[in-house]
Amino acid sequence: VQLVESGGGLVQPGGSLRLSCAASGIPFGISTMGWYRQAPGK
């Protein structure tokens, strides 16, 4: 499995971003995909 994210960065409050994740090594069309996040200390 290889997952490569892109699209992060610095944005002002109220702004927008789009994250992308390109996958390989899995049957993508039948896999469940998710986004998680981890803040410092959490």
Full PDB file with SEQRES, HELIX, SHEET, SSBOND, CRYST1, ORIGX, SCALE, CONECT and MASTER records, all heavy atoms in Angstrom:
SEQRES   1 A   42  VAL GLN LEU VAL GLU SER GLY GLY GLY LEU VAL GLN PRO          
SEQRES   2 A   42  GLY GLY SER LEU ARG LEU SER CYS ALA ALA SER GLY ILE          
SEQRES   3 A   42  PRO PHE GLY ILE SER THR MET GLY TRP TYR ARG GLN ALA          
SEQRES   4 A   42  PRO GLY LYS                                                  
HELIX    1 AA1 PHE A   28  ILE A   30  5                                   3    
SHEET    1 AA1 2 GLN A   2  SER A   6  0                                        
SHEET    2 AA1 2 SER A  20  SER A  24 -1                                        
CRYST1    1.000    1.000    1.000  90.00  90.00  90.00 P 1           1          
ORIGX1      1.000000  0.000000  0.000000        0.00000                         
ORIGX2      0.000000  1.000000  0.000000        0.00000                         
ORIGX3      0.000000  0.000000  1.000000        0.00000                         
SCALE1      1.000000  0.000000  0.000000        0.00000                         
SCALE2      0.000000  1.000000  0.000000        0.00000                         
SCALE3      0.000000  0.000000  1.000000        0.00000                         
ATOM      1  N   VAL A   1       0.836  -1.189   0.000  1.00  0.00           N  
ATOM      2  CA  VAL A   1       0.000   0.000   0.000  1.00  0.00           C  
ATOM      3  C   VAL A   1       0.881   1.252   0.000  1.00  0.00           C  
ATOM      4  O   VAL A   1       1.829   1.360   0.769  1.00  0.00           O  
ATOM      5  CB  VAL A   1      -0.899   0.037   1.250  1.00  0.00           C  
ATOM      6  CG1 VAL A   1      -1.773   1.288   1.239  1.00  0.00           C  
ATOM      7  CG2 VAL A   1      -1.745  -1.222   1.335  1.00  0.00           C  
ATOM      8  N   GLN A   2       0.535   2.187  -0.864  1.00  0.00           N  
ATOM      9  CA  GLN A   2       1.211   3.475  -0.852  1.00  0.00           C  
ATOM     10  C   GLN A   2       0.172   4.573  -0.994  1.00  0.00           C  
ATOM     11  O   GLN A   2      -0.634   4.556  -1.924  1.00  0.00           O  
ATOM     12  CB  GLN A   2       2.246   3.584  -1.967  1.00  0.00           C  
ATOM     13  CG  GLN A   2       3.090   4.840  -1.892  1.00  0.00           C  
ATOM     14  CD  GLN A   2       4.268   4.826  -2.858  1.00  0.00           C  
ATOM     15  OE1 GLN A   2       4.305   4.045  -3.803  1.00  0.00           O  
ATOM     16  NE2 GLN A   2       5.229   5.710  -2.606  1.00  0.00           N  
ATOM     17  N   LEU A   3       0.186   5.498  -0.037  1.00  0.00           N  
ATOM     18  CA  LEU A   3      -0.727   6.625  -0.040  1.00  0.00           C  
ATOM     19  C   LEU A   3       0.104   7.896   0.033  1.00  0.00           C  
ATOM     20  O   LEU A   3       0.910   8.053   0.948  1.00  0.00           O  
ATOM     21  CB  LEU A   3      -1.679   6.554   1.153  1.00  0.00           C  
ATOM     22  CG  LEU A   3      -2.505   5.276   1.292  1.00  0.00           C  
ATOM     23  CD1 LEU A   3      -3.289   5.285   2.603  1.00  0.00           C  
ATOM     24  CD2 LEU A   3      -3.453   5.112   0.115  1.00  0.00           C  
ATOM     25  N   VAL A   4      -0.113   8.788  -0.903  1.00  0.00           N  
ATOM     26  CA  VAL A   4       0.682  10.017  -0.959  1.00  0.00           C  
ATOM     27  C   VAL A   4      -0.256  11.210  -0.915  1.00  0.00           C  
ATOM     28  O   VAL A   4      -1.043  11.444  -1.833  1.00  0.00           O  
ATOM     29  CB  VAL A   4       1.543  10.070  -2.236  1.00  0.00           C  
ATOM     30  CG1 VAL A   4       2.347  11.364  -2.264  1.00  0.00           C  
ATOM     31  CG2 VAL A   4       2.469   8.861  -2.300  1.00  0.00           C  
ATOM     32  N   GLU A   5      -0.163  11.965   0.198  1.00  0.00           N  
ATOM     33  CA  GLU A   5      -1.017  13.146   0.375  1.00  0.00           C  
ATOM     34  C   GLU A   5      -0.341  14.389  -0.197  1.00  0.00           C  
ATOM     35  O   GLU A   5       0.893  14.483  -0.241  1.00  0.00           O  
ATOM     36  CB  GLU A   5      -1.308  13.403   1.859  1.00  0.00           C  
ATOM     37  CG  GLU A   5      -1.997  12.278   2.585  1.00  0.00           C  
ATOM     38  CD  GLU A   5      -1.065  11.552   3.533  1.00  0.00           C  
ATOM     39  OE1 GLU A   5       0.151  11.537   3.261  1.00  0.00           O  
ATOM     40  OE2 GLU A   5      -1.551  11.004   4.540  1.00  0.00           O  
ATOM     41  N   SER A   6      -1.171  15.336  -0.557  1.00  0.00           N  
ATOM     42  CA  SER A   6      -0.682  16.643  -0.985  1.00  0.00           C  
ATOM     43  C   SER A   6      -1.775  17.667  -0.740  1.00  0.00           C  
ATOM     44  O   SER A   6      -2.936  17.308  -0.506  1.00  0.00           O  
ATOM     45  CB  SER A   6      -0.287  16.623  -2.464  1.00  0.00           C  
ATOM     46  OG  SER A   6      -1.389  16.298  -3.273  1.00  0.00           O  
ATOM     47  N   GLY A   7      -1.384  18.937  -0.778  1.00  0.00           N  
ATOM     48  CA  GLY A   7      -2.366  20.002  -0.679  1.00  0.00           C  
ATOM     49  C   GLY A   7      -2.416  20.749   0.634  1.00  0.00           C  
ATOM     50  O   GLY A   7      -3.171  21.707   0.775  1.00  0.00           O  
ATOM     51  N   GLY A   8      -1.643  20.314   1.609  1.00  0.00           N  
ATOM     52  CA  GLY A   8      -1.634  21.029   2.877  1.00  0.00           C  
ATOM     53  C   GLY A   8      -0.911  22.351   2.765  1.00  0.00           C  
ATOM     54  O   GLY A   8      -0.331  22.685   1.732  1.00  0.00           O  
ATOM     55  N   GLY A   9      -0.970  23.125   3.850  1.00  0.00           N  
ATOM     56  CA  GLY A   9      -0.290  24.406   3.850  1.00  0.00           C  
ATOM     57  C   GLY A   9      -0.841  25.333   4.905  1.00  0.00           C  
ATOM     58  O   GLY A   9      -1.578  24.913   5.801  1.00  0.00           O  
ATOM     59  N   LEU A  10      -0.483  26.602   4.761  1.00  0.00           N  
ATOM     60  CA  LEU A  10      -0.928  27.643   5.677  1.00  0.00           C  
ATOM     61  C   LEU A  10      -2.089  28.403   5.037  1.00  0.00           C  
ATOM     62  O   LEU A  10      -1.995  28.829   3.878  1.00  0.00           O  
ATOM     63  CB  LEU A  10       0.222  28.602   5.964  1.00  0.00           C  
ATOM     64  CG  LEU A  10      -0.091  29.861   6.786  1.00  0.00           C  
ATOM     65  CD1 LEU A  10      -0.546  29.487   8.189  1.00  0.00           C  
ATOM     66  CD2 LEU A  10       1.121  30.778   6.817  1.00  0.00           C  
ATOM     67  N   VAL A  11      -3.149  28.571   5.801  1.00  0.00           N  
ATOM     68  CA  VAL A  11      -4.325  29.277   5.294  1.00  0.00           C  
ATOM     69  C   VAL A  11      -4.900  30.127   6.412  1.00  0.00           C  
ATOM     70  O   VAL A  11      -4.795  29.764   7.597  1.00  0.00           O  
ATOM     71  CB  VAL A  11      -5.365  28.281   4.743  1.00  0.00           C  
ATOM     72  CG1 VAL A  11      -5.886  27.364   5.836  1.00  0.00           C  
ATOM     73  CG2 VAL A  11      -6.502  28.981   4.036  1.00  0.00           C  
ATOM     74  N   GLN A  12      -5.505  31.239   6.059  1.00  0.00           N  
ATOM     75  CA  GLN A  12      -6.118  32.106   7.062  1.00  0.00           C  
ATOM     76  C   GLN A  12      -7.462  31.549   7.513  1.00  0.00           C  
ATOM     77  O   GLN A  12      -8.117  30.816   6.756  1.00  0.00           O  
ATOM     78  CB  GLN A  12      -6.309  33.503   6.487  1.00  0.00           C  
ATOM     79  CG  GLN A  12      -5.006  34.240   6.220  1.00  0.00           C  
ATOM     80  CD  GLN A  12      -5.238  35.679   5.811  1.00  0.00           C  
ATOM     81  OE1 GLN A  12      -6.340  36.043   5.400  1.00  0.00           O  
ATOM     82  NE2 GLN A  12      -4.218  36.506   5.940  1.00  0.00           N  
ATOM     83  N   PRO A  13      -7.875  31.891   8.710  1.00  0.00           N  
ATOM     84  CA  PRO A  13      -9.218  31.467   9.157  1.00  0.00           C  
ATOM     85  C   PRO A  13     -10.275  31.899   8.158  1.00  0.00           C  
ATOM     86  O   PRO A  13     -10.245  33.007   7.633  1.00  0.00           O  
ATOM     87  CB  PRO A  13      -9.365  32.198  10.498  1.00  0.00           C  
ATOM     88  CG  PRO A  13      -7.977  32.369  10.990  1.00  0.00           C  
ATOM     89  CD  PRO A  13      -7.148  32.613   9.760  1.00  0.00           C  
ATOM     90  N   GLY A  14     -11.205  30.977   7.909  1.00  0.00           N  
ATOM     91  CA  GLY A  14     -12.243  31.222   6.918  1.00  0.00           C  
ATOM     92  C   GLY A  14     -11.867  30.803   5.510  1.00  0.00           C  
ATOM     93  O   GLY A  14     -12.725  30.786   4.618  1.00  0.00           O  
ATOM     94  N   GLY A  15     -10.619  30.464   5.306  1.00  0.00           N  
ATOM     95  CA  GLY A  15     -10.150  30.063   3.993  1.00  0.00           C  
ATOM     96  C   GLY A  15     -10.448  28.606   3.674  1.00  0.00           C  
ATOM     97  O   GLY A  15     -11.111  27.902   4.448  1.00  0.00           O  
ATOM     98  N   SER A  16      -9.947  28.179   2.517  1.00  0.00           N  
ATOM     99  CA  SER A  16     -10.202  26.819   2.034  1.00  0.00           C  
ATOM    100  C   SER A  16      -8.900  26.152   1.582  1.00  0.00           C  
ATOM    101  O   SER A  16      -7.951  26.832   1.178  1.00  0.00           O  
ATOM    102  CB  SER A  16     -11.166  26.855   0.840  1.00  0.00           C  
ATOM    103  OG  SER A  16     -12.414  27.387   1.210  1.00  0.00           O  
ATOM    104  N   LEU A  17      -8.915  24.835   1.666  1.00  0.00           N  
ATOM    105  CA  LEU A  17      -7.846  24.014   1.128  1.00  0.00           C  
ATOM    106  C   LEU A  17      -8.456  22.737   0.585  1.00  0.00           C  
ATOM    107  O   LEU A  17      -9.502  22.301   1.080  1.00  0.00           O  
ATOM    108  CB  LEU A  17      -6.816  23.635   2.207  1.00  0.00           C  
ATOM    109  CG  LEU A  17      -5.739  24.632   2.621  1.00  0.00           C  
ATOM    110  CD1 LEU A  17      -4.919  24.059   3.775  1.00  0.00           C  
ATOM    111  CD2 LEU A  17      -4.843  25.007   1.461  1.00  0.00           C  
ATOM    112  N   ARG A  18      -7.793  22.135  -0.392  1.00  0.00           N  
ATOM    113  CA  ARG A  18      -8.199  20.815  -0.854  1.00  0.00           C  
ATOM    114  C   ARG A  18      -7.008  19.875  -0.739  1.00  0.00           C  
ATOM    115  O   ARG A  18      -5.953  20.115  -1.334  1.00  0.00           O  
ATOM    116  CB  ARG A  18      -8.699  20.836  -2.298  1.00  0.00           C  
ATOM    117  CG  ARG A  18      -9.315  19.502  -2.698  1.00  0.00           C  
ATOM    118  CD  ARG A  18      -9.917  19.503  -4.080  1.00  0.00           C  
ATOM    119  NE  ARG A  18      -8.922  19.298  -5.133  1.00  0.00           N  
ATOM    120  CZ  ARG A  18      -9.189  18.749  -6.308  1.00  0.00           C  
ATOM    121  NH1 ARG A  18     -10.417  18.359  -6.585  1.00  0.00           N  
ATOM    122  NH2 ARG A  18      -8.235  18.619  -7.204  1.00  0.00           N  
ATOM    123  N   LEU A  19      -7.216  18.824   0.027  1.00  0.00           N  
ATOM    124  CA  LEU A  19      -6.206  17.781   0.161  1.00  0.00           C  
ATOM    125  C   LEU A  19      -6.472  16.680  -0.853  1.00  0.00           C  
ATOM    126  O   LEU A  19      -7.624  16.381  -1.164  1.00  0.00           O  
ATOM    127  CB  LEU A  19      -6.220  17.189   1.570  1.00  0.00           C  
ATOM    128  CG  LEU A  19      -6.065  18.164   2.734  1.00  0.00           C  
ATOM    129  CD1 LEU A  19      -6.029  17.391   4.056  1.00  0.00           C  
ATOM    130  CD2 LEU A  19      -4.839  19.031   2.574  1.00  0.00           C  
ATOM    131  N   SER A  20      -5.392  16.086  -1.331  1.00  0.00           N  
ATOM    132  CA  SER A  20      -5.489  14.950  -2.247  1.00  0.00           C  
ATOM    133  C   SER A  20      -4.666  13.794  -1.705  1.00  0.00           C  
ATOM    134  O   SER A  20      -3.660  14.002  -1.026  1.00  0.00           O  
ATOM    135  CB  SER A  20      -4.954  15.329  -3.635  1.00  0.00           C  
ATOM    136  OG  SER A  20      -5.677  16.402  -4.196  1.00  0.00           O  
ATOM    137  N   CYS A  21      -5.103  12.594  -2.018  1.00  0.00           N  
ATOM    138  CA  CYS A  21      -4.368  11.395  -1.616  1.00  0.00           C  
ATOM    139  C   CYS A  21      -4.401  10.423  -2.784  1.00  0.00           C  
ATOM    140  O   CYS A  21      -5.477   9.920  -3.136  1.00  0.00           O  
ATOM    141  CB  CYS A  21      -4.985  10.779  -0.376  1.00  0.00           C  
ATOM    142  SG  CYS A  21      -4.308   9.147   0.063  1.00  0.00           S  
ATOM    143  N   ALA A  22      -3.234  10.176  -3.352  1.00  0.00           N  
ATOM    144  CA  ALA A  22      -3.111   9.233  -4.462  1.00  0.00           C  
ATOM    145  C   ALA A  22      -2.722   7.873  -3.907  1.00  0.00           C  
ATOM    146  O   ALA A  22      -1.737   7.756  -3.168  1.00  0.00           O  
ATOM    147  CB  ALA A  22      -2.071   9.730  -5.449  1.00  0.00           C  
ATOM    148  N   ALA A  23      -3.482   6.854  -4.268  1.00  0.00           N  
ATOM    149  CA  ALA A  23      -3.279   5.516  -3.728  1.00  0.00           C  
ATOM    150  C   ALA A  23      -2.754   4.565  -4.794  1.00  0.00           C  
ATOM    151  O   ALA A  23      -3.086   4.678  -5.976  1.00  0.00           O  
ATOM    152  CB  ALA A  23      -4.593   4.972  -3.163  1.00  0.00           C  
ATOM    153  N   SER A  24      -1.945   3.614  -4.352  1.00  0.00           N  
ATOM    154  CA  SER A  24      -1.491   2.528  -5.217  1.00  0.00           C  
ATOM    155  C   SER A  24      -1.313   1.287  -4.369  1.00  0.00           C  
ATOM    156  O   SER A  24      -1.196   1.353  -3.145  1.00  0.00           O  
ATOM    157  CB  SER A  24      -0.187   2.901  -5.925  1.00  0.00           C  
ATOM    158  OG  SER A  24       0.839   3.159  -4.992  1.00  0.00           O  
ATOM    159  N   GLY A  25      -1.338   0.133  -5.043  1.00  0.00           N  
ATOM    160  CA  GLY A  25      -1.135  -1.120  -4.322  1.00  0.00           C  
ATOM    161  C   GLY A  25      -2.369  -1.696  -3.670  1.00  0.00           C  
ATOM    162  O   GLY A  25      -2.281  -2.674  -2.923  1.00  0.00           O  
ATOM    163  N   ILE A  26      -3.534  -1.077  -3.907  1.00  0.00           N  
ATOM    164  CA  ILE A  26      -4.790  -1.561  -3.327  1.00  0.00           C  
ATOM    165  C   ILE A  26      -5.871  -1.555  -4.404  1.00  0.00           C  
ATOM    166  O   ILE A  26      -5.758  -0.833  -5.397  1.00  0.00           O  
ATOM    167  CB  ILE A  26      -5.272  -0.687  -2.146  1.00  0.00           C  
ATOM    168  CG1 ILE A  26      -5.468   0.775  -2.588  1.00  0.00           C  
ATOM    169  CG2 ILE A  26      -4.311  -0.778  -0.976  1.00  0.00           C  
ATOM    170  CD1 ILE A  26      -6.143   1.644  -1.537  1.00  0.00           C  
ATOM    171  N   PRO A  27      -6.921  -2.365  -4.206  1.00  0.00           N  
ATOM    172  CA  PRO A  27      -8.080  -2.285  -5.113  1.00  0.00           C  
ATOM    173  C   PRO A  27      -8.896  -1.044  -4.761  1.00  0.00           C  
ATOM    174  O   PRO A  27      -9.892  -1.113  -4.045  1.00  0.00           O  
ATOM    175  CB  PRO A  27      -8.827  -3.576  -4.817  1.00  0.00           C  
ATOM    176  CG  PRO A  27      -8.496  -3.884  -3.388  1.00  0.00           C  
ATOM    177  CD  PRO A  27      -7.092  -3.410  -3.182  1.00  0.00           C  
ATOM    178  N   PHE A  28      -8.475   0.097  -5.283  1.00  0.00           N  
ATOM    179  CA  PHE A  28      -8.992   1.377  -4.814  1.00  0.00           C  
ATOM    180  C   PHE A  28     -10.507   1.465  -4.909  1.00  0.00           C  
ATOM    181  O   PHE A  28     -11.173   1.926  -3.982  1.00  0.00           O  
ATOM    182  CB  PHE A  28      -8.354   2.507  -5.631  1.00  0.00           C  
ATOM    183  CG  PHE A  28      -8.755   3.880  -5.178  1.00  0.00           C  
ATOM    184  CD1 PHE A  28      -8.095   4.485  -4.127  1.00  0.00           C  
ATOM    185  CD2 PHE A  28      -9.799   4.560  -5.805  1.00  0.00           C  
ATOM    186  CE1 PHE A  28      -8.464   5.751  -3.691  1.00  0.00           C  
ATOM    187  CE2 PHE A  28     -10.171   5.821  -5.381  1.00  0.00           C  
ATOM    188  CZ  PHE A  28      -9.507   6.419  -4.319  1.00  0.00           C  
ATOM    189  N   GLY A  29     -11.057   1.014  -5.999  1.00  0.00           N  
ATOM    190  CA  GLY A  29     -12.485   1.196  -6.228  1.00  0.00           C  
ATOM    191  C   GLY A  29     -13.378   0.527  -5.199  1.00  0.00           C  
ATOM    192  O   GLY A  29     -14.530   0.931  -5.017  1.00  0.00           O  
ATOM    193  N   ILE A  30     -12.880  -0.493  -4.510  1.00  0.00           N  
ATOM    194  CA  ILE A  30     -13.693  -1.194  -3.517  1.00  0.00           C  
ATOM    195  C   ILE A  30     -13.167  -0.991  -2.100  1.00  0.00           C  
ATOM    196  O   ILE A  30     -13.626  -1.632  -1.161  1.00  0.00           O  
ATOM    197  CB  ILE A  30     -13.795  -2.707  -3.822  1.00  0.00           C  
ATOM    198  CG1 ILE A  30     -12.400  -3.353  -3.873  1.00  0.00           C  
ATOM    199  CG2 ILE A  30     -14.539  -2.942  -5.128  1.00  0.00           C  
ATOM    200  CD1 ILE A  30     -12.442  -4.879  -3.983  1.00  0.00           C  
ATOM    201  N   SER A  31     -12.212  -0.092  -1.948  1.00  0.00           N  
ATOM    202  CA  SER A  31     -11.647   0.179  -0.625  1.00  0.00           C  
ATOM    203  C   SER A  31     -12.326   1.384   0.020  1.00  0.00           C  
ATOM    204  O   SER A  31     -12.767   2.304  -0.675  1.00  0.00           O  
ATOM    205  CB  SER A  31     -10.145   0.455  -0.727  1.00  0.00           C  
ATOM    206  OG  SER A  31      -9.445  -0.690  -1.175  1.00  0.00           O  
ATOM    207  N   THR A  32     -12.394   1.354   1.321  1.00  0.00           N  
ATOM    208  CA  THR A  32     -12.864   2.507   2.086  1.00  0.00           C  
ATOM    209  C   THR A  32     -11.681   3.439   2.318  1.00  0.00           C  
ATOM    210  O   THR A  32     -10.613   3.000   2.767  1.00  0.00           O  
ATOM    211  CB  THR A  32     -13.458   2.075   3.429  1.00  0.00           C  
ATOM    212  OG1 THR A  32     -14.625   1.280   3.183  1.00  0.00           O  
ATOM    213  CG2 THR A  32     -13.850   3.277   4.268  1.00  0.00           C  
ATOM    214  N   MET A  33     -11.887   4.700   2.012  1.00  0.00           N  
ATOM    215  CA  MET A  33     -10.830   5.693   2.150  1.00  0.00           C  
ATOM    216  C   MET A  33     -11.247   6.722   3.203  1.00  0.00           C  
ATOM    217  O   MET A  33     -12.435   7.079   3.306  1.00  0.00           O  
ATOM    218  CB  MET A  33     -10.576   6.404   0.828  1.00  0.00           C  
ATOM    219  CG  MET A  33     -10.204   5.476  -0.309  1.00  0.00           C  
ATOM    220  SD  MET A  33      -8.670   4.566  -0.020  1.00  0.00           S  
ATOM    221  CE  MET A  33      -7.480   5.915   0.071  1.00  0.00           C  
ATOM    222  N   GLY A  34     -10.278   7.194   3.945  1.00  0.00           N  
ATOM    223  CA  GLY A  34     -10.607   8.151   5.000  1.00  0.00           C  
ATOM    224  C   GLY A  34      -9.516   9.183   5.197  1.00  0.00           C  
ATOM    225  O   GLY A  34      -8.381   9.022   4.739  1.00  0.00           O  
ATOM    226  N   TRP A  35      -9.907  10.251   5.860  1.00  0.00           N  
ATOM    227  CA  TRP A  35      -8.980  11.287   6.304  1.00  0.00           C  
ATOM    228  C   TRP A  35      -9.062  11.373   7.823  1.00  0.00           C  
ATOM    229  O   TRP A  35     -10.148  11.439   8.386  1.00  0.00           O  
ATOM    230  CB  TRP A  35      -9.331  12.638   5.696  1.00  0.00           C  
ATOM    231  CG  TRP A  35      -9.013  12.750   4.237  1.00  0.00           C  
ATOM    232  CD1 TRP A  35      -9.872  12.585   3.192  1.00  0.00           C  
ATOM    233  CD2 TRP A  35      -7.745  13.075   3.670  1.00  0.00           C  
ATOM    234  NE1 TRP A  35      -9.215  12.763   2.007  1.00  0.00           N  
ATOM    235  CE2 TRP A  35      -7.900  13.073   2.272  1.00  0.00           C  
ATOM    236  CE3 TRP A  35      -6.483  13.370   4.194  1.00  0.00           C  
ATOM    237  CZ2 TRP A  35      -6.850  13.349   1.395  1.00  0.00           C  
ATOM    238  CZ3 TRP A  35      -5.442  13.649   3.323  1.00  0.00           C  
ATOM    239  CH2 TRP A  35      -5.627  13.639   1.945  1.00  0.00           C  
ATOM    240  N   TYR A  36      -7.909  11.372   8.452  1.00  0.00           N  
ATOM    241  CA  TYR A  36      -7.776  11.539   9.886  1.00  0.00           C  
ATOM    242  C   TYR A  36      -6.892  12.762  10.130  1.00  0.00           C  
ATOM    243  O   TYR A  36      -6.179  13.212   9.236  1.00  0.00           O  
ATOM    244  CB  TYR A  36      -7.127  10.314  10.524  1.00  0.00           C  
ATOM    245  CG  TYR A  36      -7.990   9.088  10.558  1.00  0.00           C  
ATOM    246  CD1 TYR A  36      -8.300   8.379   9.400  1.00  0.00           C  
ATOM    247  CD2 TYR A  36      -8.505   8.606  11.769  1.00  0.00           C  
ATOM    248  CE1 TYR A  36      -9.099   7.249   9.430  1.00  0.00           C  
ATOM    249  CE2 TYR A  36      -9.292   7.469  11.822  1.00  0.00           C  
ATOM    250  CZ  TYR A  36      -9.583   6.794  10.650  1.00  0.00           C  
ATOM    251  OH  TYR A  36     -10.368   5.669  10.695  1.00  0.00           O  
ATOM    252  N   ARG A  37      -6.930  13.262  11.359  1.00  0.00           N  
ATOM    253  CA  ARG A  37      -6.018  14.346  11.702  1.00  0.00           C  
ATOM    254  C   ARG A  37      -5.526  14.161  13.129  1.00  0.00           C  
ATOM    255  O   ARG A  37      -6.197  13.532  13.966  1.00  0.00           O  
ATOM    256  CB  ARG A  37      -6.690  15.711  11.558  1.00  0.00           C  
ATOM    257  CG  ARG A  37      -7.836  15.969  12.525  1.00  0.00           C  
ATOM    258  CD  ARG A  37      -8.538  17.270  12.188  1.00  0.00           C  
ATOM    259  NE  ARG A  37      -9.683  17.492  13.078  1.00  0.00           N  
ATOM    260  CZ  ARG A  37     -10.603  18.420  12.864  1.00  0.00           C  
ATOM    261  NH1 ARG A  37     -10.535  19.223  11.789  1.00  0.00           N  
ATOM    262  NH2 ARG A  37     -11.603  18.572  13.715  1.00  0.00           N  
ATOM    263  N   GLN A  38      -4.348  14.727  13.355  1.00  0.00           N  
ATOM    264  CA  GLN A  38      -3.772  14.672  14.695  1.00  0.00           C  
ATOM    265  C   GLN A  38      -3.139  16.010  15.007  1.00  0.00           C  
ATOM    266  O   GLN A  38      -2.192  16.438  14.339  1.00  0.00           O  
ATOM    267  CB  GLN A  38      -2.732  13.549  14.798  1.00  0.00           C  
ATOM    268  CG  GLN A  38      -2.218  13.331  16.203  1.00  0.00           C  
ATOM    269  CD  GLN A  38      -1.434  12.039  16.348  1.00  0.00           C  
ATOM    270  OE1 GLN A  38      -0.958  11.455  15.375  1.00  0.00           O  
ATOM    271  NE2 GLN A  38      -1.314  11.561  17.579  1.00  0.00           N  
ATOM    272  N   ALA A  39      -3.691  16.668  16.014  1.00  0.00           N  
ATOM    273  CA  ALA A  39      -3.148  17.932  16.482  1.00  0.00           C  
ATOM    274  C   ALA A  39      -2.108  17.657  17.566  1.00  0.00           C  
ATOM    275  O   ALA A  39      -2.136  16.591  18.202  1.00  0.00           O  
ATOM    276  CB  ALA A  39      -4.268  18.806  17.034  1.00  0.00           C  
ATOM    277  N   PRO A  40      -1.208  18.588  17.807  1.00  0.00           N  
ATOM    278  CA  PRO A  40      -0.177  18.375  18.832  1.00  0.00           C  
ATOM    279  C   PRO A  40      -0.783  18.041  20.192  1.00  0.00           C  
ATOM    280  O   PRO A  40      -1.704  18.729  20.658  1.00  0.00           O  
ATOM    281  CB  PRO A  40       0.552  19.722  18.869  1.00  0.00           C  
ATOM    282  CG  PRO A  40       0.350  20.295  17.514  1.00  0.00           C  
ATOM    283  CD  PRO A  40      -1.025  19.860  17.099  1.00  0.00           C  
ATOM    284  N   GLY A  41      -0.307  16.967  20.794  1.00  0.00           N  
ATOM    285  CA  GLY A  41      -0.782  16.573  22.113  1.00  0.00           C  
ATOM    286  C   GLY A  41      -2.128  15.892  22.141  1.00  0.00           C  
ATOM    287  O   GLY A  41      -2.668  15.626  23.225  1.00  0.00           O  
ATOM    288  N   LYS A  42      -2.685  15.620  20.955  1.00  0.00           N  
ATOM    289  CA  LYS A  42      -4.011  14.995  20.900  1.00  0.00           C  
ATOM    290  C   LYS A  42      -3.950  13.675  20.144  1.00  0.00           C  
ATOM    291  O   LYS A  42      -3.008  13.399  19.407  1.00  0.00           O  
ATOM    292  CB  LYS A  42      -5.011  15.941  20.236  1.00  0.00           C  
ATOM    293  CG  LYS A  42      -5.270  17.218  21.030  1.00  0.00           C  
ATOM    294  CD  LYS A  42      -6.421  18.007  20.450  1.00  0.00           C  
ATOM    295  CE  LYS A  42      -6.724  19.225  21.304  1.00  0.00           C  
ATOM    296  NZ  LYS A  42      -7.876  19.997  20.764  1.00  0.00           N  
TER     297      LYS A  42                                                      
MASTER        0    0    0    1    2    0    0    6  296    1    0    4          
END                                                                             
